[in-house]
Amino acid sequence: MVNQSQSHYGAPTGAVWWDNNTQSFKVVTGPNQSMELGMDTVNVELRPDVERILRWAERKMMEEARLDQLCKQFPNLEEARREFEIMLALVKDRS
């Protein structure tokens, strides 16, 4: 979808393409209208669901890092983790 208006940041929005002649990216702002995309400033906006997924992934990575630390500290926890992973794989194979 091409939004051929000004964004709320005051920057042009539209489809981005590579101009091989000028060796630069261009933003198509309308019919037969384009402007060179300055490489000094780039704004990327994510959909709310993508932002939610990224927040979840960050929390998950922190949880797993903490679990790794605890497993190093408590060998019995590491063994329980391995047994859980084996049991989970067996159950998934039967489903």
C-alpha atoms as a PDB file:
ATOM      1  CA  MET A   1       0.000   0.000   0.000  1.00  0.00           C
ATOM      2  CA  VAL A   2       1.398   3.374  -0.973  1.00  0.00           C
ATOM      3  CA  ASN A   3       0.545   6.399   1.111  1.00  0.00           C
ATOM      4  CA  GLN A   4       1.288   9.388  -1.071  1.00  0.00           C
ATOM      5  CA  SER A   5       1.076  12.017   1.625  1.00  0.00           C
ATOM      6  CA  GLN A   6       3.270  13.535   4.257  1.00  0.00           C
ATOM      7  CA  SER A   7       3.772  11.414   7.349  1.00  0.00           C
ATOM      8  CA  HIS A   8       3.237  12.874  10.805  1.00  0.00           C
ATOM      9  CA  TYR A   9       7.028  13.375  10.932  1.00  0.00           C
ATOM     10  CA  GLY A  10       6.874  15.721   7.951  1.00  0.00           C
ATOM     11  CA  ALA A  11       8.760  13.292   5.715  1.00  0.00           C
ATOM     12  CA  PRO A  12       7.364  12.039   2.413  1.00  0.00           C
ATOM     13  CA  THR A  13       5.903   8.566   2.343  1.00  0.00           C
ATOM     14  CA  GLY A  14       5.436   6.174  -0.549  1.00  0.00           C
ATOM     15  CA  ALA A  15       6.972   3.190  -2.277  1.00  0.00           C
ATOM     16  CA  VAL A  16      10.753   2.898  -2.038  1.00  0.00           C
ATOM     17  CA  TRP A  17      12.813   1.634  -4.976  1.00  0.00           C
ATOM     18  CA  TRP A  18      16.440   1.509  -6.063  1.00  0.00           C
ATOM     19  CA  ASP A  19      17.468   3.820  -8.905  1.00  0.00           C
ATOM     20  CA  ASN A  20      20.409   2.105 -10.551  1.00  0.00           C
ATOM     21  CA  ASN A  21      21.243   5.214 -12.603  1.00  0.00           C
ATOM     22  CA  THR A  22      21.822   7.417  -9.559  1.00  0.00           C
ATOM     23  CA  GLN A  23      22.802   4.521  -7.261  1.00  0.00           C
ATOM     24  CA  SER A  24      20.328   5.729  -4.649  1.00  0.00           C
ATOM     25  CA  PHE A  25      16.984   4.860  -3.127  1.00  0.00           C
ATOM     26  CA  LYS A  26      13.971   6.898  -4.253  1.00  0.00           C
ATOM     27  CA  VAL A  27      10.582   7.440  -2.659  1.00  0.00           C
ATOM     28  CA  VAL A  28       7.737   7.506  -5.167  1.00  0.00           C
ATOM     29  CA  THR A  29       5.461  10.240  -3.847  1.00  0.00           C
ATOM     30  CA  GLY A  30       2.979  10.372  -6.728  1.00  0.00           C
ATOM     31  CA  PRO A  31       2.553   9.768 -10.453  1.00  0.00           C
ATOM     32  CA  ASN A  32       5.870  10.645 -12.137  1.00  0.00           C
ATOM     33  CA  GLN A  33       7.054  12.114  -8.835  1.00  0.00           C
ATOM     34  CA  SER A  34       9.895  10.795  -6.740  1.00  0.00           C
ATOM     35  CA  MET A  35      12.560  12.105  -4.475  1.00  0.00           C
ATOM     36  CA  GLU A  36      15.908  10.752  -3.401  1.00  0.00           C
ATOM     37  CA  LEU A  37      15.837   9.081  -0.024  1.00  0.00           C
ATOM     38  CA  GLY A  38      18.381  10.731   2.221  1.00  0.00           C
ATOM     39  CA  MET A  39      20.498   8.137   3.964  1.00  0.00           C
ATOM     40  CA  ASP A  40      21.122  10.329   6.998  1.00  0.00           C
ATOM     41  CA  THR A  41      17.665   9.769   8.517  1.00  0.00           C
ATOM     42  CA  VAL A  42      15.456   6.705   8.274  1.00  0.00           C
ATOM     43  CA  ASN A  43      12.268   6.192  10.275  1.00  0.00           C
ATOM     44  CA  VAL A  44      10.756   2.727  10.508  1.00  0.00           C
ATOM     45  CA  GLU A  45       7.344   2.214  12.029  1.00  0.00           C
ATOM     46  CA  LEU A  46       6.116  -1.216  13.051  1.00  0.00           C
ATOM     47  CA  ARG A  47       2.555  -2.405  13.292  1.00  0.00           C
ATOM     48  CA  PRO A  48       1.324  -2.781  16.887  1.00  0.00           C
ATOM     49  CA  ASP A  49       1.248  -6.592  16.600  1.00  0.00           C
ATOM     50  CA  VAL A  50       4.895  -6.635  15.497  1.00  0.00           C
ATOM     51  CA  GLU A  51       5.852  -4.418  18.440  1.00  0.00           C
ATOM     52  CA  ARG A  52       3.960  -6.807  20.763  1.00  0.00           C
ATOM     53  CA  ILE A  53       5.822  -9.793  19.288  1.00  0.00           C
ATOM     54  CA  LEU A  54       9.174  -8.053  19.753  1.00  0.00           C
ATOM     55  CA  ARG A  55       8.372  -7.272  23.403  1.00  0.00           C
ATOM     56  CA  TRP A  56       7.381 -10.921  23.943  1.00  0.00           C
ATOM     57  CA  ALA A  57      10.613 -12.133  22.296  1.00  0.00           C
ATOM     58  CA  GLU A  58      12.707  -9.847  24.507  1.00  0.00           C
ATOM     59  CA  ARG A  59      10.959 -11.150  27.644  1.00  0.00           C
ATOM     60  CA  LYS A  60      11.362 -14.750  26.444  1.00  0.00           C
ATOM     61  CA  MET A  61      15.083 -14.284  25.790  1.00  0.00           C
ATOM     62  CA  MET A  62      15.565 -12.780  29.260  1.00  0.00           C
ATOM     63  CA  GLU A  63      13.640 -15.669  30.851  1.00  0.00           C
ATOM     64  CA  GLU A  64      15.710 -18.246  28.987  1.00  0.00           C
ATOM     65  CA  ALA A  65      18.967 -16.508  29.922  1.00  0.00           C
ATOM     66  CA  ARG A  66      17.871 -16.535  33.566  1.00  0.00           C
ATOM     67  CA  LEU A  67      16.953 -20.231  33.329  1.00  0.00           C
ATOM     68  CA  ASP A  68      20.379 -20.961  31.795  1.00  0.00           C
ATOM     69  CA  GLN A  69      22.022 -19.204  34.769  1.00  0.00           C
ATOM     70  CA  LEU A  70      19.926 -21.157  37.266  1.00  0.00           C
ATOM     71  CA  CYS A  71      20.693 -24.454  35.514  1.00  0.00           C
ATOM     72  CA  LYS A  72      24.426 -23.740  35.809  1.00  0.00           C
ATOM     73  CA  GLN A  73      23.960 -22.944  39.469  1.00  0.00           C
ATOM     74  CA  PHE A  74      21.717 -25.950  40.209  1.00  0.00           C
ATOM     75  CA  PRO A  75      22.698 -29.137  38.309  1.00  0.00           C
ATOM     76  CA  ASN A  76      19.463 -30.899  39.343  1.00  0.00           C
ATOM     77  CA  LEU A  77      17.481 -28.184  37.584  1.00  0.00           C
ATOM     78  CA  GLU A  78      19.491 -28.783  34.409  1.00  0.00           C
ATOM     79  CA  GLU A  79      18.698 -32.507  34.604  1.00  0.00           C
ATOM     80  CA  ALA A  80      14.999 -31.759  35.133  1.00  0.00           C
ATOM     81  CA  ARG A  81      15.089 -29.431  32.146  1.00  0.00           C
ATOM     82  CA  ARG A  82      16.608 -32.142  29.926  1.00  0.00           C
ATOM     83  CA  GLU A  83      14.029 -34.697  31.111  1.00  0.00           C
ATOM     84  CA  PHE A  84      11.234 -32.204  30.446  1.00  0.00           C
ATOM     85  CA  GLU A  85      12.510 -31.558  26.906  1.00  0.00           C
ATOM     86  CA  ILE A  86      12.665 -35.317  26.222  1.00  0.00           C
ATOM     87  CA  MET A  87       9.156 -35.876  27.606  1.00  0.00           C
ATOM     88  CA  LEU A  88       7.819 -32.944  25.601  1.00  0.00           C
ATOM     89  CA  ALA A  89       9.359 -34.306  22.386  1.00  0.00           C
ATOM     90  CA  LEU A  90       7.857 -37.754  23.038  1.00  0.00           C
ATOM     91  CA  VAL A  91       4.407 -36.301  23.682  1.00  0.00           C
ATOM     92  CA  LYS A  92       4.580 -34.118  20.557  1.00  0.00           C
ATOM     93  CA  ASP A  93       5.534 -37.163  18.444  1.00  0.00           C
ATOM     94  CA  ARG A  94       2.459 -39.046  19.686  1.00  0.00           C
ATOM     95  CA  SER A  95       0.070 -36.155  18.948  1.00  0.00           C
END
